Amino acid sequence: MKAEEFYNIFQEKYAIIKEFEMERYKIEEQLFLIKKIENPKMLSPLITFTLKTFPWPNPKYETNDEISYHNTLMAMDEYIIDVQKLLDQQLLNNSK
């Protein structure tokens, strides 16, 4: 895989992750507002909310570019799955 190909794939996956994270943020905010009514002194957990970032190009600092690209894209894929599961759980909790 060439660096340009990796960069394009990285950008696509990061756009998905950013969209999921913004959705997660909105759900967290809604849940907080509901809970704050019961506990007015409650501090917002959103103060520490940050978008997941991935070291570019490699989370494991491999010296081989192919391994590096593969590791980064695998980590992104895994995170997309994880954050989707988290979103589903938040939506379920929010509907109760």
N, C-alpha and C. Protein backbone atom coordinates (compact mmCIF):
# COMPACT_ATOMS: atom_id res chain seq x y z
N MET A 1 0.84 -1.18 0.00
CA MET A 1 0.00 0.00 0.00
C MET A 1 0.89 1.24 0.00
N LYS A 2 0.56 2.16 -0.85
CA LYS A 2 1.32 3.42 -0.90
C LYS A 2 0.82 4.36 0.19
N ALA A 3 1.67 5.29 0.55
CA ALA A 3 1.32 6.25 1.60
C ALA A 3 0.05 7.02 1.26
N GLU A 4 -0.12 7.37 -0.01
CA GLU A 4 -1.30 8.13 -0.43
C GLU A 4 -2.58 7.30 -0.24
N GLU A 5 -2.50 6.01 -0.56
CA GLU A 5 -3.65 5.12 -0.37
C GLU A 5 -4.00 5.02 1.11
N PHE A 6 -2.96 4.84 1.92
CA PHE A 6 -3.18 4.75 3.37
C PHE A 6 -3.84 6.03 3.88
N TYR A 7 -3.34 7.16 3.45
CA TYR A 7 -3.86 8.44 3.93
C TYR A 7 -5.34 8.58 3.56
N ASN A 8 -5.71 8.19 2.34
CA ASN A 8 -7.11 8.29 1.92
C ASN A 8 -8.01 7.40 2.77
N ILE A 9 -7.57 6.16 3.02
CA ILE A 9 -8.34 5.24 3.85
C ILE A 9 -8.43 5.77 5.28
N PHE A 10 -7.30 6.27 5.79
CA PHE A 10 -7.26 6.84 7.14
C PHE A 10 -8.28 7.97 7.27
N GLN A 11 -8.33 8.85 6.28
CA GLN A 11 -9.27 9.99 6.31
C GLN A 11 -10.71 9.50 6.32
N GLU A 12 -11.01 8.49 5.51
CA GLU A 12 -12.37 7.95 5.45
C GLU A 12 -12.79 7.35 6.79
N LYS A 13 -11.91 6.55 7.37
CA LYS A 13 -12.21 5.91 8.64
C LYS A 13 -12.31 6.95 9.76
N TYR A 14 -11.45 7.94 9.72
CA TYR A 14 -11.50 8.97 10.75
C TYR A 14 -12.79 9.78 10.67
N ALA A 15 -13.30 10.00 9.47
CA ALA A 15 -14.57 10.72 9.31
C ALA A 15 -15.71 9.92 9.95
N ILE A 16 -15.67 8.60 9.80
CA ILE A 16 -16.69 7.74 10.43
C ILE A 16 -16.57 7.83 11.94
N ILE A 17 -15.35 7.73 12.44
CA ILE A 17 -15.12 7.79 13.88
C ILE A 17 -15.58 9.13 14.44
N LYS A 18 -15.27 10.20 13.75
CA LYS A 18 -15.67 11.53 14.22
C LYS A 18 -17.19 11.65 14.29
N GLU A 19 -17.87 11.13 13.28
CA GLU A 19 -19.33 11.18 13.26
C GLU A 19 -19.91 10.40 14.44
N PHE A 20 -19.39 9.19 14.68
CA PHE A 20 -19.85 8.38 15.82
C PHE A 20 -19.57 9.09 17.14
N GLU A 21 -18.41 9.67 17.26
CA GLU A 21 -18.05 10.34 18.51
C GLU A 21 -18.93 11.56 18.77
N MET A 22 -19.27 12.28 17.72
CA MET A 22 -20.15 13.44 17.91
C MET A 22 -21.54 12.98 18.32
N GLU A 23 -22.00 11.87 17.78
CA GLU A 23 -23.29 11.30 18.17
C GLU A 23 -23.24 10.86 19.63
N ARG A 24 -22.13 10.24 19.99
CA ARG A 24 -21.95 9.80 21.39
C ARG A 24 -21.95 11.00 22.33
N TYR A 25 -21.33 12.07 21.91
CA TYR A 25 -21.29 13.29 22.71
C TYR A 25 -22.71 13.82 22.94
N LYS A 26 -23.51 13.85 21.89
CA LYS A 26 -24.89 14.35 22.01
C LYS A 26 -25.70 13.50 22.98
N ILE A 27 -25.52 12.17 22.91
CA ILE A 27 -26.25 11.29 23.81
C ILE A 27 -25.78 11.50 25.25
N GLU A 28 -24.47 11.62 25.44
CA GLU A 28 -23.93 11.88 26.78
C GLU A 28 -24.51 13.18 27.35
N GLU A 29 -24.61 14.18 26.50
CA GLU A 29 -25.15 15.47 26.92
C GLU A 29 -26.62 15.33 27.34
N GLN A 30 -27.40 14.61 26.57
CA GLN A 30 -28.81 14.40 26.91
C GLN A 30 -28.94 13.65 28.23
N LEU A 31 -28.16 12.59 28.40
CA LEU A 31 -28.21 11.82 29.65
C LEU A 31 -27.82 12.69 30.84
N PHE A 32 -26.81 13.52 30.65
CA PHE A 32 -26.37 14.40 31.73
C PHE A 32 -27.48 15.37 32.12
N LEU A 33 -28.14 15.96 31.15
CA LEU A 33 -29.21 16.92 31.44
C LEU A 33 -30.36 16.27 32.20
N ILE A 34 -30.65 15.03 31.88
CA ILE A 34 -31.70 14.29 32.59
C ILE A 34 -31.26 14.03 34.04
N LYS A 35 -30.02 13.57 34.21
CA LYS A 35 -29.51 13.26 35.55
C LYS A 35 -29.33 14.51 36.40
N LYS A 36 -29.00 15.63 35.76
CA LYS A 36 -28.72 16.87 36.50
C LYS A 36 -29.98 17.38 37.21
N ILE A 37 -31.14 17.12 36.66
CA ILE A 37 -32.39 17.54 37.30
C ILE A 37 -32.49 16.90 38.68
N GLU A 38 -32.11 15.64 38.79
CA GLU A 38 -32.16 14.92 40.06
C GLU A 38 -31.02 15.32 40.99
N ASN A 39 -29.90 15.73 40.40
CA ASN A 39 -28.72 16.08 41.19
C ASN A 39 -28.11 17.37 40.65
N PRO A 40 -28.63 18.53 41.06
CA PRO A 40 -28.19 19.82 40.50
C PRO A 40 -26.70 20.12 40.68
N LYS A 41 -26.05 19.49 41.66
CA LYS A 41 -24.63 19.76 41.90
C LYS A 41 -23.72 18.89 41.04
N MET A 42 -24.31 18.03 40.26
CA MET A 42 -23.54 17.10 39.43
C MET A 42 -22.71 17.86 38.41
N LEU A 43 -21.44 17.45 38.28
CA LEU A 43 -20.57 18.06 37.29
C LEU A 43 -20.68 17.30 35.97
N SER A 44 -20.55 18.03 34.90
CA SER A 44 -20.69 17.42 33.58
C SER A 44 -19.50 16.53 33.24
N PRO A 45 -19.76 15.30 32.79
CA PRO A 45 -18.67 14.44 32.34
C PRO A 45 -18.13 14.90 30.98
N LEU A 46 -18.84 15.81 30.34
CA LEU A 46 -18.45 16.27 29.01
C LEU A 46 -17.24 17.20 29.05
N ILE A 47 -16.90 17.68 30.22
CA ILE A 47 -15.73 18.55 30.34
C ILE A 47 -14.48 17.82 29.85
N THR A 48 -14.44 16.52 30.09
CA THR A 48 -13.25 15.74 29.72
C THR A 48 -13.43 14.98 28.42
N PHE A 49 -14.51 15.24 27.71
CA PHE A 49 -14.78 14.53 26.46
C PHE A 49 -13.79 14.95 25.38
N THR A 50 -13.12 13.97 24.79
CA THR A 50 -12.22 14.25 23.68
C THR A 50 -12.43 13.22 22.59
N LEU A 51 -12.22 13.63 21.38
CA LEU A 51 -12.35 12.72 20.25
C LEU A 51 -11.17 11.76 20.23
N LYS A 52 -11.45 10.49 20.00
CA LYS A 52 -10.40 9.48 19.92
C LYS A 52 -9.45 9.83 18.77
N THR A 53 -8.19 9.77 19.05
CA THR A 53 -7.19 10.03 18.01
C THR A 53 -6.33 8.79 17.82
N PHE A 54 -5.75 8.69 16.66
CA PHE A 54 -4.89 7.55 16.34
C PHE A 54 -3.54 8.08 15.89
N PRO A 55 -2.47 7.61 16.51
CA PRO A 55 -1.14 8.04 16.06
C PRO A 55 -0.97 7.73 14.58
N TRP A 56 -0.49 8.69 13.86
CA TRP A 56 -0.35 8.46 12.42
C TRP A 56 1.12 8.38 12.09
N PRO A 57 1.56 7.38 11.39
CA PRO A 57 0.78 6.32 10.77
C PRO A 57 0.70 5.03 11.56
N ASN A 58 1.33 4.93 12.72
CA ASN A 58 1.33 3.61 13.35
C ASN A 58 1.25 3.66 14.87
N PRO A 59 0.28 2.95 15.43
CA PRO A 59 0.16 2.94 16.89
C PRO A 59 1.26 2.17 17.59
N LYS A 60 1.91 1.26 16.88
CA LYS A 60 2.94 0.45 17.53
C LYS A 60 4.35 0.86 17.11
N TYR A 61 4.46 1.94 16.38
CA TYR A 61 5.76 2.48 15.95
C TYR A 61 6.62 1.44 15.26
N GLU A 62 5.98 0.73 14.34
CA GLU A 62 6.69 -0.25 13.53
C GLU A 62 7.62 0.48 12.55
N THR A 63 8.71 -0.17 12.22
CA THR A 63 9.60 0.43 11.23
C THR A 63 9.19 0.04 9.81
N ASN A 64 8.40 -1.02 9.68
CA ASN A 64 7.93 -1.47 8.38
C ASN A 64 6.63 -0.73 8.05
N ASP A 65 6.60 0.01 6.95
CA ASP A 65 5.43 0.81 6.59
C ASP A 65 4.17 -0.04 6.44
N GLU A 66 4.28 -1.19 5.77
CA GLU A 66 3.09 -2.03 5.55
C GLU A 66 2.49 -2.48 6.88
N ILE A 67 3.33 -2.92 7.80
CA ILE A 67 2.84 -3.34 9.12
C ILE A 67 2.24 -2.13 9.84
N SER A 68 2.91 -1.02 9.73
CA SER A 68 2.45 0.21 10.35
C SER A 68 1.06 0.60 9.86
N TYR A 69 0.88 0.62 8.56
CA TYR A 69 -0.41 0.98 7.98
C TYR A 69 -1.49 -0.02 8.42
N HIS A 70 -1.14 -1.29 8.36
CA HIS A 70 -2.08 -2.35 8.74
C HIS A 70 -2.50 -2.18 10.20
N ASN A 71 -1.56 -1.97 11.10
CA ASN A 71 -1.88 -1.82 12.53
C ASN A 71 -2.79 -0.63 12.79
N THR A 72 -2.52 0.47 12.11
CA THR A 72 -3.33 1.68 12.30
C THR A 72 -4.75 1.44 11.82
N LEU A 73 -4.90 0.88 10.62
CA LEU A 73 -6.23 0.66 10.07
C LEU A 73 -7.00 -0.39 10.88
N MET A 74 -6.31 -1.40 11.38
CA MET A 74 -6.96 -2.40 12.24
C MET A 74 -7.46 -1.75 13.54
N ALA A 75 -6.63 -0.89 14.13
CA ALA A 75 -7.04 -0.20 15.36
C ALA A 75 -8.25 0.68 15.10
N MET A 76 -8.29 1.32 13.96
CA MET A 76 -9.42 2.18 13.62
C MET A 76 -10.68 1.34 13.41
N ASP A 77 -10.55 0.22 12.71
CA ASP A 77 -11.70 -0.66 12.50
C ASP A 77 -12.25 -1.16 13.83
N GLU A 78 -11.37 -1.57 14.71
CA GLU A 78 -11.79 -2.06 16.02
C GLU A 78 -12.50 -0.96 16.81
N TYR A 79 -11.98 0.24 16.74
CA TYR A 79 -12.60 1.34 17.45
C TYR A 79 -13.97 1.68 16.88
N ILE A 80 -14.12 1.62 15.56
CA ILE A 80 -15.42 1.87 14.94
C ILE A 80 -16.45 0.86 15.47
N ILE A 81 -16.05 -0.39 15.57
CA ILE A 81 -16.94 -1.42 16.12
C ILE A 81 -17.26 -1.12 17.58
N ASP A 82 -16.23 -0.80 18.36
CA ASP A 82 -16.43 -0.53 19.79
C ASP A 82 -17.32 0.68 20.03
N VAL A 83 -17.09 1.76 19.29
CA VAL A 83 -17.87 2.97 19.53
C VAL A 83 -19.30 2.77 19.05
N GLN A 84 -19.52 1.94 18.03
CA GLN A 84 -20.89 1.64 17.60
C GLN A 84 -21.61 0.85 18.70
N LYS A 85 -20.93 -0.10 19.32
CA LYS A 85 -21.53 -0.85 20.43
C LYS A 85 -21.86 0.09 21.59
N LEU A 86 -20.97 1.02 21.88
CA LEU A 86 -21.20 1.99 22.95
C LEU A 86 -22.40 2.88 22.63
N LEU A 87 -22.49 3.33 21.40
CA LEU A 87 -23.64 4.13 20.97
C LEU A 87 -24.94 3.36 21.14
N ASP A 88 -24.95 2.12 20.71
CA ASP A 88 -26.14 1.29 20.84
C ASP A 88 -26.54 1.16 22.31
N GLN A 89 -25.57 0.96 23.18
CA GLN A 89 -25.85 0.83 24.61
C GLN A 89 -26.38 2.14 25.19
N GLN A 90 -25.79 3.26 24.78
CA GLN A 90 -26.25 4.56 25.26
C GLN A 90 -27.69 4.83 24.81
N LEU A 91 -27.99 4.50 23.56
CA LEU A 91 -29.35 4.71 23.06
C LEU A 91 -30.34 3.84 23.84
N LEU A 92 -29.93 2.62 24.14
CA LEU A 92 -30.78 1.73 24.93
C LEU A 92 -31.01 2.31 26.32
N ASN A 93 -29.94 2.78 26.96
CA ASN A 93 -30.05 3.38 28.30
C ASN A 93 -30.89 4.65 28.27
N ASN A 94 -30.76 5.42 27.21
CA ASN A 94 -31.49 6.67 27.10
C ASN A 94 -32.98 6.45 26.90
N SER A 95 -33.35 5.31 26.32
CA SER A 95 -34.76 5.04 26.05
C SER A 95 -35.49 4.48 27.27
N LYS A 96 -34.75 4.14 28.31
CA LYS A 96 -35.37 3.58 29.53
C LYS A 96 -35.97 4.65 30.39
